[in-house]
Amino acid sequence: AELTVEMDPGTFDGAKVASYMAAGMNRVSLGVQSFDDELLQGAGRSHSSTQAKESVEIIKRAGIQNWSLDLISGLPSQRMGIWEETLSAALALKPSHLSVYDLQVEDGTKFGRMFD
């Protein structure tokens, strides 16, 4: 069976990944959202694009072959060129799966307050 742990870049190290693997985890879904630092900061993310790439390396070094990246489209100020760069950066890392989610603006969230 597939056992996935959703992780945010910059919040784990090799030891944490190893402990998850020992508990049966065999897939990681990494919430990168973007490879553009300004967009990440504007979205309230605590990681940078460099930390996202470093997190992928931690996952690879741990021997996890089934891992995915989660991206968000439709972020404020996300122009087509920025989106293309994010997609290129994601694909260059060779994830086994890439998920793209459209930004959903909901009440009570940072974006909900921005667009209220």
PDB file of N, CA and C in Angstrom:
ATOM      1  N   ALA A   1       0.836  -1.184   0.000  1.00  0.00           N
ATOM      2  CA  ALA A   1       0.000   0.000   0.000  1.00  0.00           C
ATOM      3  C   ALA A   1       0.877   1.242   0.000  1.00  0.00           C
ATOM      4  N   GLU A   2       0.341   2.287  -0.562  1.00  0.00           N
ATOM      5  CA  GLU A   2       1.053   3.561  -0.573  1.00  0.00           C
ATOM      6  C   GLU A   2       0.715   4.330   0.693  1.00  0.00           C
ATOM      7  N   LEU A   3       1.740   4.775   1.404  1.00  0.00           N
ATOM      8  CA  LEU A   3       1.574   5.589   2.598  1.00  0.00           C
ATOM      9  C   LEU A   3       2.301   6.908   2.364  1.00  0.00           C
ATOM     10  N   THR A   4       1.521   7.977   2.198  1.00  0.00           N
ATOM     11  CA  THR A   4       2.056   9.288   1.853  1.00  0.00           C
ATOM     12  C   THR A   4       2.067  10.206   3.063  1.00  0.00           C
ATOM     13  N   VAL A   5       3.160  10.955   3.198  1.00  0.00           N
ATOM     14  CA  VAL A   5       3.238  12.009   4.197  1.00  0.00           C
ATOM     15  C   VAL A   5       3.391  13.322   3.432  1.00  0.00           C
ATOM     16  N   GLU A   6       2.525  14.278   3.744  1.00  0.00           N
ATOM     17  CA  GLU A   6       2.633  15.605   3.150  1.00  0.00           C
ATOM     18  C   GLU A   6       3.596  16.419   3.997  1.00  0.00           C
ATOM     19  N   MET A   7       4.584  17.030   3.321  1.00  0.00           N
ATOM     20  CA  MET A   7       5.627  17.767   4.034  1.00  0.00           C
ATOM     21  C   MET A   7       5.820  19.131   3.393  1.00  0.00           C
ATOM     22  N   ASP A   8       6.234  20.087   4.215  1.00  0.00           N
ATOM     23  CA  ASP A   8       6.561  21.417   3.727  1.00  0.00           C
ATOM     24  C   ASP A   8       8.075  21.567   3.676  1.00  0.00           C
ATOM     25  N   PRO A   9       8.593  22.189   2.623  1.00  0.00           N
ATOM     26  CA  PRO A   9      10.044  22.400   2.535  1.00  0.00           C
ATOM     27  C   PRO A   9      10.566  23.151   3.752  1.00  0.00           C
ATOM     28  N   GLY A  10      11.767  22.760   4.179  1.00  0.00           N
ATOM     29  CA  GLY A  10      12.407  23.445   5.285  1.00  0.00           C
ATOM     30  C   GLY A  10      11.932  23.027   6.659  1.00  0.00           C
ATOM     31  N   THR A  11      11.040  22.041   6.732  1.00  0.00           N
ATOM     32  CA  THR A  11      10.506  21.638   8.040  1.00  0.00           C
ATOM     33  C   THR A  11      10.975  20.249   8.468  1.00  0.00           C
ATOM     34  N   PHE A  12      11.900  19.663   7.713  1.00  0.00           N
ATOM     35  CA  PHE A  12      12.352  18.311   8.039  1.00  0.00           C
ATOM     36  C   PHE A  12      13.804  18.139   7.617  1.00  0.00           C
ATOM     37  N   ASP A  13      14.409  17.098   8.175  1.00  0.00           N
ATOM     38  CA  ASP A  13      15.771  16.734   7.806  1.00  0.00           C
ATOM     39  C   ASP A  13      15.801  15.242   7.492  1.00  0.00           C
ATOM     40  N   GLY A  14      16.978  14.733   7.195  1.00  0.00           N
ATOM     41  CA  GLY A  14      17.107  13.326   6.848  1.00  0.00           C
ATOM     42  C   GLY A  14      16.657  12.390   7.957  1.00  0.00           C
ATOM     43  N   ALA A  15      16.917  12.769   9.211  1.00  0.00           N
ATOM     44  CA  ALA A  15      16.524  11.924  10.343  1.00  0.00           C
ATOM     45  C   ALA A  15      15.006  11.801  10.432  1.00  0.00           C
ATOM     46  N   LYS A  16      14.300  12.904  10.209  1.00  0.00           N
ATOM     47  CA  LYS A  16      12.836  12.856  10.269  1.00  0.00           C
ATOM     48  C   LYS A  16      12.288  11.990   9.135  1.00  0.00           C
ATOM     49  N   VAL A  17      12.859  12.128   7.941  1.00  0.00           N
ATOM     50  CA  VAL A  17      12.421  11.304   6.816  1.00  0.00           C
ATOM     51  C   VAL A  17      12.673   9.834   7.122  1.00  0.00           C
ATOM     52  N   ALA A  18      13.834   9.531   7.694  1.00  0.00           N
ATOM     53  CA  ALA A  18      14.160   8.140   8.042  1.00  0.00           C
ATOM     54  C   ALA A  18      13.168   7.588   9.062  1.00  0.00           C
ATOM     55  N   SER A  19      12.757   8.407  10.031  1.00  0.00           N
ATOM     56  CA  SER A  19      11.794   7.922  11.030  1.00  0.00           C
ATOM     57  C   SER A  19      10.434   7.656  10.390  1.00  0.00           C
ATOM     58  N   TYR A  20      10.029   8.498   9.456  1.00  0.00           N
ATOM     59  CA  TYR A  20       8.779   8.246   8.737  1.00  0.00           C
ATOM     60  C   TYR A  20       8.874   6.973   7.911  1.00  0.00           C
ATOM     61  N   MET A  21      10.024   6.768   7.267  1.00  0.00           N
ATOM     62  CA  MET A  21      10.209   5.557   6.471  1.00  0.00           C
ATOM     63  C   MET A  21      10.155   4.311   7.359  1.00  0.00           C
ATOM     64  N   ALA A  22      10.739   4.408   8.534  1.00  0.00           N
ATOM     65  CA  ALA A  22      10.715   3.280   9.471  1.00  0.00           C
ATOM     66  C   ALA A  22       9.286   2.959   9.902  1.00  0.00           C
ATOM     67  N   ALA A  23       8.422   3.972   9.896  1.00  0.00           N
ATOM     68  CA  ALA A  23       7.017   3.771  10.264  1.00  0.00           C
ATOM     69  C   ALA A  23       6.175   3.303   9.075  1.00  0.00           C
ATOM     70  N   GLY A  24       6.794   3.172   7.904  1.00  0.00           N
ATOM     71  CA  GLY A  24       6.074   2.646   6.754  1.00  0.00           C
ATOM     72  C   GLY A  24       5.820   3.625   5.623  1.00  0.00           C
ATOM     73  N   MET A  25       6.211   4.896   5.785  1.00  0.00           N
ATOM     74  CA  MET A  25       6.004   5.864   4.713  1.00  0.00           C
ATOM     75  C   MET A  25       6.818   5.455   3.487  1.00  0.00           C
ATOM     76  N   ASN A  26       6.161   5.504   2.320  1.00  0.00           N
ATOM     77  CA  ASN A  26       6.876   5.180   1.089  1.00  0.00           C
ATOM     78  C   ASN A  26       6.633   6.218  -0.009  1.00  0.00           C
ATOM     79  N   ARG A  27       6.027   7.335   0.356  1.00  0.00           N
ATOM     80  CA  ARG A  27       5.794   8.416  -0.612  1.00  0.00           C
ATOM     81  C   ARG A  27       5.743   9.745   0.137  1.00  0.00           C
ATOM     82  N   VAL A  28       6.313  10.777  -0.486  1.00  0.00           N
ATOM     83  CA  VAL A  28       6.270  12.126   0.067  1.00  0.00           C
ATOM     84  C   VAL A  28       5.587  13.040  -0.935  1.00  0.00           C
ATOM     85  N   SER A  29       4.692  13.869  -0.435  1.00  0.00           N
ATOM     86  CA  SER A  29       4.081  14.938  -1.213  1.00  0.00           C
ATOM     87  C   SER A  29       4.625  16.240  -0.636  1.00  0.00           C
ATOM     88  N   LEU A  30       5.408  16.961  -1.443  1.00  0.00           N
ATOM     89  CA  LEU A  30       6.105  18.144  -0.964  1.00  0.00           C
ATOM     90  C   LEU A  30       5.388  19.412  -1.412  1.00  0.00           C
ATOM     91  N   GLY A  31       4.915  20.206  -0.457  1.00  0.00           N
ATOM     92  CA  GLY A  31       4.138  21.414  -0.732  1.00  0.00           C
ATOM     93  C   GLY A  31       5.008  22.602  -1.098  1.00  0.00           C
ATOM     94  N   VAL A  32       5.575  22.572  -2.288  1.00  0.00           N
ATOM     95  CA  VAL A  32       6.469  23.634  -2.748  1.00  0.00           C
ATOM     96  C   VAL A  32       5.694  24.906  -3.074  1.00  0.00           C
ATOM     97  N   GLN A  33       4.587  24.792  -3.753  1.00  0.00           N
ATOM     98  CA  GLN A  33       3.693  25.875  -4.185  1.00  0.00           C
ATOM     99  C   GLN A  33       4.262  26.715  -5.315  1.00  0.00           C
ATOM    100  N   SER A  34       5.529  27.138  -5.227  1.00  0.00           N
ATOM    101  CA  SER A  34       6.155  27.958  -6.273  1.00  0.00           C
ATOM    102  C   SER A  34       7.663  27.890  -6.100  1.00  0.00           C
ATOM    103  N   PHE A  35       8.391  28.190  -7.164  1.00  0.00           N
ATOM    104  CA  PHE A  35       9.837  28.340  -7.078  1.00  0.00           C
ATOM    105  C   PHE A  35      10.236  29.804  -7.218  1.00  0.00           C
ATOM    106  N   ASP A  36       9.296  30.708  -6.984  1.00  0.00           N
ATOM    107  CA  ASP A  36       9.556  32.134  -7.028  1.00  0.00           C
ATOM    108  C   ASP A  36       9.496  32.675  -5.598  1.00  0.00           C
ATOM    109  N   ASP A  37      10.623  33.199  -5.114  1.00  0.00           N
ATOM    110  CA  ASP A  37      10.699  33.631  -3.716  1.00  0.00           C
ATOM    111  C   ASP A  37       9.725  34.747  -3.372  1.00  0.00           C
ATOM    112  N   GLU A  38       9.507  35.689  -4.284  1.00  0.00           N
ATOM    113  CA  GLU A  38       8.554  36.773  -4.003  1.00  0.00           C
ATOM    114  C   GLU A  38       7.139  36.233  -3.856  1.00  0.00           C
ATOM    115  N   LEU A  39       6.754  35.307  -4.725  1.00  0.00           N
ATOM    116  CA  LEU A  39       5.416  34.709  -4.616  1.00  0.00           C
ATOM    117  C   LEU A  39       5.279  33.911  -3.328  1.00  0.00           C
ATOM    118  N   LEU A  40       6.321  33.167  -2.971  1.00  0.00           N
ATOM    119  CA  LEU A  40       6.276  32.395  -1.733  1.00  0.00           C
ATOM    120  C   LEU A  40       6.095  33.308  -0.529  1.00  0.00           C
ATOM    121  N   GLN A  41       6.848  34.392  -0.505  1.00  0.00           N
ATOM    122  CA  GLN A  41       6.735  35.334   0.602  1.00  0.00           C
ATOM    123  C   GLN A  41       5.343  35.963   0.638  1.00  0.00           C
ATOM    124  N   GLY A  42       4.836  36.365  -0.536  1.00  0.00           N
ATOM    125  CA  GLY A  42       3.508  36.965  -0.610  1.00  0.00           C
ATOM    126  C   GLY A  42       2.392  36.016  -0.205  1.00  0.00           C
ATOM    127  N   ALA A  43       2.639  34.720  -0.389  1.00  0.00           N
ATOM    128  CA  ALA A  43       1.649  33.706  -0.025  1.00  0.00           C
ATOM    129  C   ALA A  43       1.778  33.290   1.443  1.00  0.00           C
ATOM    130  N   GLY A  44       2.753  33.888   2.129  1.00  0.00           N
ATOM    131  CA  GLY A  44       2.923  33.568   3.543  1.00  0.00           C
ATOM    132  C   GLY A  44       3.635  32.260   3.798  1.00  0.00           C
ATOM    133  N   ARG A  45       4.340  31.759   2.805  1.00  0.00           N
ATOM    134  CA  ARG A  45       5.080  30.505   2.978  1.00  0.00           C
ATOM    135  C   ARG A  45       6.372  30.783   3.736  1.00  0.00           C
ATOM    136  N   SER A  46       6.796  29.844   4.561  1.00  0.00           N
ATOM    137  CA  SER A  46       7.983  30.051   5.383  1.00  0.00           C
ATOM    138  C   SER A  46       9.258  29.581   4.697  1.00  0.00           C
ATOM    139  N   HIS A  47       9.148  28.943   3.528  1.00  0.00           N
ATOM    140  CA  HIS A  47      10.341  28.432   2.853  1.00  0.00           C
ATOM    141  C   HIS A  47      10.684  29.260   1.614  1.00  0.00           C
ATOM    142  N   SER A  48      11.911  29.083   1.157  1.00  0.00           N
ATOM    143  CA  SER A  48      12.386  29.726  -0.064  1.00  0.00           C
ATOM    144  C   SER A  48      12.488  28.674  -1.165  1.00  0.00           C
ATOM    145  N   SER A  49      12.738  29.125  -2.374  1.00  0.00           N
ATOM    146  CA  SER A  49      12.919  28.176  -3.473  1.00  0.00           C
ATOM    147  C   SER A  49      14.164  27.320  -3.231  1.00  0.00           C
ATOM    148  N   THR A  50      15.191  27.897  -2.630  1.00  0.00           N
ATOM    149  CA  THR A  50      16.399  27.124  -2.310  1.00  0.00           C
ATOM    150  C   THR A  50      16.082  26.027  -1.305  1.00  0.00           C
ATOM    151  N   GLN A  51      15.307  26.349  -0.281  1.00  0.00           N
ATOM    152  CA  GLN A  51      14.920  25.333   0.701  1.00  0.00           C
ATOM    153  C   GLN A  51      14.074  24.239   0.058  1.00  0.00           C
ATOM    154  N   ALA A  52      13.243  24.605  -0.906  1.00  0.00           N
ATOM    155  CA  ALA A  52      12.433  23.600  -1.597  1.00  0.00           C
ATOM    156  C   ALA A  52      13.335  22.615  -2.328  1.00  0.00           C
ATOM    157  N   LYS A  53      14.329  23.120  -3.026  1.00  0.00           N
ATOM    158  CA  LYS A  53      15.259  22.248  -3.762  1.00  0.00           C
ATOM    159  C   LYS A  53      16.091  21.408  -2.802  1.00  0.00           C
ATOM    160  N   GLU A  54      16.510  21.993  -1.678  1.00  0.00           N
ATOM    161  CA  GLU A  54      17.253  21.233  -0.667  1.00  0.00           C
ATOM    162  C   GLU A  54      16.388  20.122  -0.084  1.00  0.00           C
ATOM    163  N   SER A  55      15.106  20.389   0.106  1.00  0.00           N
ATOM    164  CA  SER A  55      14.191  19.369   0.629  1.00  0.00           C
ATOM    165  C   SER A  55      14.052  18.201  -0.333  1.00  0.00           C
ATOM    166  N   VAL A  56      14.021  18.499  -1.616  1.00  0.00           N
ATOM    167  CA  VAL A  56      13.978  17.422  -2.621  1.00  0.00           C
ATOM    168  C   VAL A  56      15.231  16.564  -2.509  1.00  0.00           C
ATOM    169  N   GLU A  57      16.379  17.186  -2.327  1.00  0.00           N
ATOM    170  CA  GLU A  57      17.627  16.424  -2.197  1.00  0.00           C
ATOM    171  C   GLU A  57      17.605  15.529  -0.956  1.00  0.00           C
ATOM    172  N   ILE A  58      17.044  16.019   0.148  1.00  0.00           N
ATOM    173  CA  ILE A  58      16.918  15.200   1.359  1.00  0.00           C
ATOM    174  C   ILE A  58      16.066  13.973   1.061  1.00  0.00           C
ATOM    175  N   ILE A  59      14.959  14.176   0.371  1.00  0.00           N
ATOM    176  CA  ILE A  59      14.062  13.072   0.019  1.00  0.00           C
ATOM    177  C   ILE A  59      14.776  12.056  -0.872  1.00  0.00           C
ATOM    178  N   LYS A  60      15.491  12.552  -1.868  1.00  0.00           N
ATOM    179  CA  LYS A  60      16.216  11.655  -2.781  1.00  0.00           C
ATOM    180  C   LYS A  60      17.311  10.883  -2.047  1.00  0.00           C
ATOM    181  N   ARG A  61      18.083  11.585  -1.190  1.00  0.00           N
ATOM    182  CA  ARG A  61      19.160  10.915  -0.437  1.00  0.00           C
ATOM    183  C   ARG A  61      18.607   9.830   0.483  1.00  0.00           C
ATOM    184  N   ALA A  62      17.383  10.020   0.958  1.00  0.00           N
ATOM    185  CA  ALA A  62      16.761   9.023   1.833  1.00  0.00           C
ATOM    186  C   ALA A  62      16.344   7.777   1.051  1.00  0.00           C
ATOM    187  N   GLY A  63      16.375   7.868  -0.269  1.00  0.00           N
ATOM    188  CA  GLY A  63      16.029   6.713  -1.093  1.00  0.00           C
ATOM    189  C   GLY A  63      14.565   6.632  -1.475  1.00  0.00           C
ATOM    190  N   ILE A  64      13.826   7.696  -1.227  1.00  0.00           N
ATOM    191  CA  ILE A  64      12.415   7.709  -1.605  1.00  0.00           C
ATOM    192  C   ILE A  64      12.325   8.012  -3.096  1.00  0.00           C
ATOM    193  N   GLN A  65      11.776   7.073  -3.840  1.00  0.00           N
ATOM    194  CA  GLN A  65      11.665   7.255  -5.281  1.00  0.00           C
ATOM    195  C   GLN A  65      10.284   7.745  -5.691  1.00  0.00           C
ATOM    196  N   ASN A  66       9.295   7.522  -4.852  1.00  0.00           N
ATOM    197  CA  ASN A  66       7.924   7.937  -5.151  1.00  0.00           C
ATOM    198  C   ASN A  66       7.618   9.212  -4.364  1.00  0.00           C
ATOM    199  N   TRP A  67       7.811  10.359  -5.016  1.00  0.00           N
ATOM    200  CA  TRP A  67       7.576  11.639  -4.359  1.00  0.00           C
ATOM    201  C   TRP A  67       6.974  12.606  -5.367  1.00  0.00           C
ATOM    202  N   SER A  68       6.228  13.541  -4.834  1.00  0.00           N
ATOM    203  CA  SER A  68       5.544  14.498  -5.708  1.00  0.00           C
ATOM    204  C   SER A  68       5.759  15.926  -5.215  1.00  0.00           C
ATOM    205  N   LEU A  69       5.513  16.849  -6.118  1.00  0.00           N
ATOM    206  CA  LEU A  69       5.539  18.263  -5.793  1.00  0.00           C
ATOM    207  C   LEU A  69       4.142  18.821  -5.971  1.00  0.00           C
ATOM    208  N   ASP A  70       3.729  19.681  -5.056  1.00  0.00           N
ATOM    209  CA  ASP A  70       2.455  20.388  -5.160  1.00  0.00           C
ATOM    210  C   ASP A  70       2.758  21.844  -5.500  1.00  0.00           C
ATOM    211  N   LEU A  71       2.121  22.347  -6.543  1.00  0.00           N
ATOM    212  CA  LEU A  71       2.254  23.737  -6.958  1.00  0.00           C
ATOM    213  C   LEU A  71       0.894  24.409  -6.906  1.00  0.00           C
ATOM    214  N   ILE A  72       0.895  25.736  -6.789  1.00  0.00           N
ATOM    215  CA  ILE A  72      -0.355  26.500  -6.826  1.00  0.00           C
ATOM    216  C   ILE A  72      -0.293  27.464  -8.005  1.00  0.00           C
ATOM    217  N   SER A  73      -1.328  27.435  -8.814  1.00  0.00           N
ATOM    218  CA  SER A  73      -1.449  28.414  -9.898  1.00  0.00           C
ATOM    219  C   SER A  73      -2.462  29.479  -9.485  1.00  0.00           C
ATOM    220  N   GLY A  74      -2.357  30.638 -10.112  1.00  0.00           N
ATOM    221  CA  GLY A  74      -3.303  31.710  -9.835  1.00  0.00           C
ATOM    222  C   GLY A  74      -2.952  32.561  -8.637  1.00  0.00           C
ATOM    223  N   LEU A  75      -1.694  32.473  -8.159  1.00  0.00           N
ATOM    224  CA  LEU A  75      -1.282  33.329  -7.048  1.00  0.00           C
ATOM    225  C   LEU A  75      -1.228  34.782  -7.516  1.00  0.00           C
ATOM    226  N   PRO A  76      -1.523  35.739  -6.629  1.00  0.00           N
ATOM    227  CA  PRO A  76      -1.423  37.141  -7.016  1.00  0.00           C
ATOM    228  C   PRO A  76      -0.020  37.455  -7.535  1.00  0.00           C
ATOM    229  N   SER A  77       0.068  38.207  -8.583  1.00  0.00           N
ATOM    230  CA  SER A  77       1.328  38.612  -9.233  1.00  0.00           C
ATOM    231  C   SER A  77       2.024  37.474  -9.977  1.00  0.00           C
ATOM    232  N   GLN A  78       1.382  36.338 -10.094  1.00  0.00           N
ATOM    233  CA  GLN A  78       1.995  35.215 -10.800  1.00  0.00           C
ATOM    234  C   GLN A  78       1.743  35.372 -12.301  1.00  0.00           C
ATOM    235  N   ARG A  79       2.709  35.923 -12.983  1.00  0.00           N
ATOM    236  CA  ARG A  79       2.614  36.125 -14.429  1.00  0.00           C
ATOM    237  C   ARG A  79       3.013  34.844 -15.158  1.00  0.00           C
ATOM    238  N   MET A  80       2.682  34.776 -16.430  1.00  0.00           N
ATOM    239  CA  MET A  80       2.940  33.564 -17.207  1.00  0.00           C
ATOM    240  C   MET A  80       4.420  33.173 -17.170  1.00  0.00           C
ATOM    241  N   GLY A  81       5.321  34.137 -17.268  1.00  0.00           N
ATOM    242  CA  GLY A  81       6.750  33.825 -17.234  1.00  0.00           C
ATOM    243  C   GLY A  81       7.178  33.196 -15.923  1.00  0.00           C
ATOM    244  N   ILE A  82       6.646  33.713 -14.823  1.00  0.00           N
ATOM    245  CA  ILE A  82       6.953  33.146 -13.504  1.00  0.00           C
ATOM    246  C   ILE A  82       6.403  31.724 -13.411  1.00  0.00           C
ATOM    247  N   TRP A  83       5.190  31.521 -13.920  1.00  0.00           N
ATOM    248  CA  TRP A  83       4.577  30.196 -13.882  1.00  0.00           C
ATOM    249  C   TRP A  83       5.401  29.212 -14.713  1.00  0.00           C
ATOM    250  N   GLU A  84       5.845  29.637 -15.889  1.00  0.00           N
ATOM    251  CA  GLU A  84       6.654  28.767 -16.742  1.00  0.00           C
ATOM    252  C   GLU A  84       7.973  28.406 -16.064  1.00  0.00           C
ATOM    253  N   GLU A  85       8.590  29.374 -15.376  1.00  0.00           N
ATOM    254  CA  GLU A  85       9.835  29.101 -14.647  1.00  0.00           C
ATOM    255  C   GLU A  85       9.601  28.107 -13.516  1.00  0.00           C
ATOM    256  N   THR A  86       8.489  28.255 -12.805  1.00  0.00           N
ATOM    257  CA  THR A  86       8.164  27.317 -11.724  1.00  0.00           C
ATOM    258  C   THR A  86       7.947  25.914 -12.276  1.00  0.00           C
ATOM    259  N   LEU A  87       7.209  25.798 -13.365  1.00  0.00           N
ATOM    260  CA  LEU A  87       6.989  24.481 -13.971  1.00  0.00           C
ATOM    261  C   LEU A  87       8.304  23.863 -14.429  1.00  0.00           C
ATOM    262  N   SER A  88       9.157  24.661 -15.059  1.00  0.00           N
ATOM    263  CA  SER A  88      10.457  24.159 -15.522  1.00  0.00           C
ATOM    264  C   SER A  88      11.311  23.686 -14.354  1.00  0.00           C
ATOM    265  N   ALA A  89      11.336  24.482 -13.277  1.00  0.00           N
ATOM    266  CA  ALA A  89      12.116  24.100 -12.099  1.00  0.00           C
ATOM    267  C   ALA A  89      11.584  22.808 -11.492  1.00  0.00           C
ATOM    268  N   ALA A  90      10.265  22.686 -11.429  1.00  0.00           N
ATOM    269  CA  ALA A  90       9.653  21.473 -10.867  1.00  0.00           C
ATOM    270  C   ALA A  90       9.997  20.251 -11.720  1.00  0.00           C
ATOM    271  N   LEU A  91       9.834  20.360 -13.006  1.00  0.00           N
ATOM    272  CA  LEU A  91      10.095  19.224 -13.897  1.00  0.00           C
ATOM    273  C   LEU A  91      11.573  18.844 -13.919  1.00  0.00           C
ATOM    274  N   ALA A  92      12.463  19.822 -13.757  1.00  0.00           N
ATOM    275  CA  ALA A  92      13.897  19.543 -13.731  1.00  0.00           C
ATOM    276  C   ALA A  92      14.287  18.666 -12.546  1.00  0.00           C
ATOM    277  N   LEU A  93      13.498  18.710 -11.479  1.00  0.00           N
ATOM    278  CA  LEU A  93      13.769  17.884 -10.292  1.00  0.00           C
ATOM    279  C   LEU A  93      13.310  16.439 -10.464  1.00  0.00           C
ATOM    280  N   LYS A  94      12.553  16.183 -11.521  1.00  0.00           N
ATOM    281  CA  LYS A  94      12.083  14.841 -11.886  1.00  0.00           C
ATOM    282  C   LYS A  94      11.237  14.149 -10.813  1.00  0.00           C
ATOM    283  N   PRO A  95      10.173  14.817 -10.356  1.00  0.00           N
ATOM    284  CA  PRO A  95       9.276  14.147  -9.402  1.00  0.00           C
ATOM    285  C   PRO A  95       8.528  13.014 -10.112  1.00  0.00           C
ATOM    286  N   SER A  96       8.073  12.039  -9.338  1.00  0.00           N
ATOM    287  CA  SER A  96       7.281  10.972  -9.938  1.00  0.00           C
ATOM    288  C   SER A  96       5.855  11.434 -10.210  1.00  0.00           C
ATOM    289  N   HIS A  97       5.460  12.541  -9.601  1.00  0.00           N
ATOM    290  CA  HIS A  97       4.120  13.097  -9.805  1.00  0.00           C
ATOM    291  C   HIS A  97       4.183  14.595  -9.536  1.00  0.00           C
ATOM    292  N   LEU A  98       3.412  15.352 -10.289  1.00  0.00           N
ATOM    293  CA  LEU A  98       3.319  16.797 -10.100  1.00  0.00           C
ATOM    294  C   LEU A  98       1.844  17.162 -10.013  1.00  0.00           C
ATOM    295  N   SER A  99       1.454  17.795  -8.898  1.00  0.00           N
ATOM    296  CA  SER A  99       0.074  18.244  -8.717  1.00  0.00           C
ATOM    297  C   SER A  99       0.030  19.753  -8.816  1.00  0.00           C
ATOM    298  N   VAL A 100      -0.971  20.264  -9.528  1.00  0.00           N
ATOM    299  CA  VAL A 100      -1.175  21.706  -9.643  1.00  0.00           C
ATOM    300  C   VAL A 100      -2.571  22.012  -9.135  1.00  0.00           C
ATOM    301  N   TYR A 101      -2.634  22.927  -8.183  1.00  0.00           N
ATOM    302  CA  TYR A 101      -3.897  23.344  -7.601  1.00  0.00           C
ATOM    303  C   TYR A 101      -4.112  24.817  -7.916  1.00  0.00           C
ATOM    304  N   ASP A 102      -5.319  25.185  -8.316  1.00  0.00           N
ATOM    305  CA  ASP A 102      -5.653  26.587  -8.498  1.00  0.00           C
ATOM    306  C   ASP A 102      -5.894  27.213  -7.132  1.00  0.00           C
ATOM    307  N   LEU A 103      -5.433  28.450  -6.978  1.00  0.00           N
ATOM    308  CA  LEU A 103      -5.654  29.165  -5.722  1.00  0.00           C
ATOM    309  C   LEU A 103      -7.146  29.308  -5.461  1.00  0.00           C
ATOM    310  N   GLN A 104      -7.565  28.905  -4.289  1.00  0.00           N
ATOM    311  CA  GLN A 104      -8.942  29.072  -3.848  1.00  0.00           C
ATOM    312  C   GLN A 104      -8.944  30.121  -2.747  1.00  0.00           C
ATOM    313  N   VAL A 105      -9.615  31.219  -2.991  1.00  0.00           N
ATOM    314  CA  VAL A 105      -9.680  32.294  -1.996  1.00  0.00           C
ATOM    315  C   VAL A 105     -10.868  32.019  -1.082  1.00  0.00           C
ATOM    316  N   GLU A 106     -10.576  31.854   0.215  1.00  0.00           N
ATOM    317  CA  GLU A 106     -11.616  31.524   1.189  1.00  0.00           C
ATOM    318  C   GLU A 106     -11.628  32.555   2.313  1.00  0.00           C
ATOM    319  N   ASP A 107     -12.808  32.790   2.865  1.00  0.00           N
ATOM    320  CA  ASP A 107     -12.953  33.708   3.992  1.00  0.00           C
ATOM    321  C   ASP A 107     -12.064  33.261   5.151  1.00  0.00           C
ATOM    322  N   GLY A 108     -11.506  34.226   5.860  1.00  0.00           N
ATOM    323  CA  GLY A 108     -10.701  33.923   7.036  1.00  0.00           C
ATOM    324  C   GLY A 108      -9.252  33.590   6.735  1.00  0.00           C
ATOM    325  N   THR A 109      -8.860  33.591   5.459  1.00  0.00           N
ATOM    326  CA  THR A 109      -7.479  33.316   5.094  1.00  0.00           C
ATOM    327  C   THR A 109      -6.785  34.607   4.700  1.00  0.00           C
ATOM    328  N   LYS A 110      -5.466  34.558   4.571  1.00  0.00           N
ATOM    329  CA  LYS A 110      -4.713  35.740   4.155  1.00  0.00           C
ATOM    330  C   LYS A 110      -5.247  36.289   2.838  1.00  0.00           C
ATOM    331  N   PHE A 111      -5.489  35.418   1.867  1.00  0.00           N
ATOM    332  CA  PHE A 111      -5.983  35.877   0.576  1.00  0.00           C
ATOM    333  C   PHE A 111      -7.432  36.342   0.663  1.00  0.00           C
ATOM    334  N   GLY A 112      -8.202  35.733   1.522  1.00  0.00           N
ATOM    335  CA  GLY A 112      -9.570  36.180   1.731  1.00  0.00           C
ATOM    336  C   GLY A 112      -9.621  37.615   2.230  1.00  0.00           C
ATOM    337  N   ARG A 113      -8.708  37.933   3.142  1.00  0.00           N
ATOM    338  CA  ARG A 113      -8.632  39.302   3.666  1.00  0.00           C
ATOM    339  C   ARG A 113      -8.098  40.268   2.610  1.00  0.00           C
ATOM    340  N   MET A 114      -7.173  39.815   1.772  1.00  0.00           N
ATOM    341  CA  MET A 114      -6.618  40.670   0.725  1.00  0.00           C
ATOM    342  C   MET A 114      -7.664  41.063  -0.313  1.00  0.00           C
ATOM    343  N   PHE A 115      -8.566  40.140  -0.614  1.00  0.00           N
ATOM    344  CA  PHE A 115      -9.516  40.366  -1.683  1.00  0.00           C
ATOM    345  C   PHE A 115     -10.922  40.667  -1.179  1.00  0.00           C
ATOM    346  N   ASP A 116     -11.027  40.942   0.099  1.00  0.00           N
ATOM    347  CA  ASP A 116     -12.331  41.222   0.710  1.00  0.00           C
ATOM    348  C   ASP A 116     -12.842  42.581   0.304  1.00  0.00           C
TER     349      ASP A 116
END
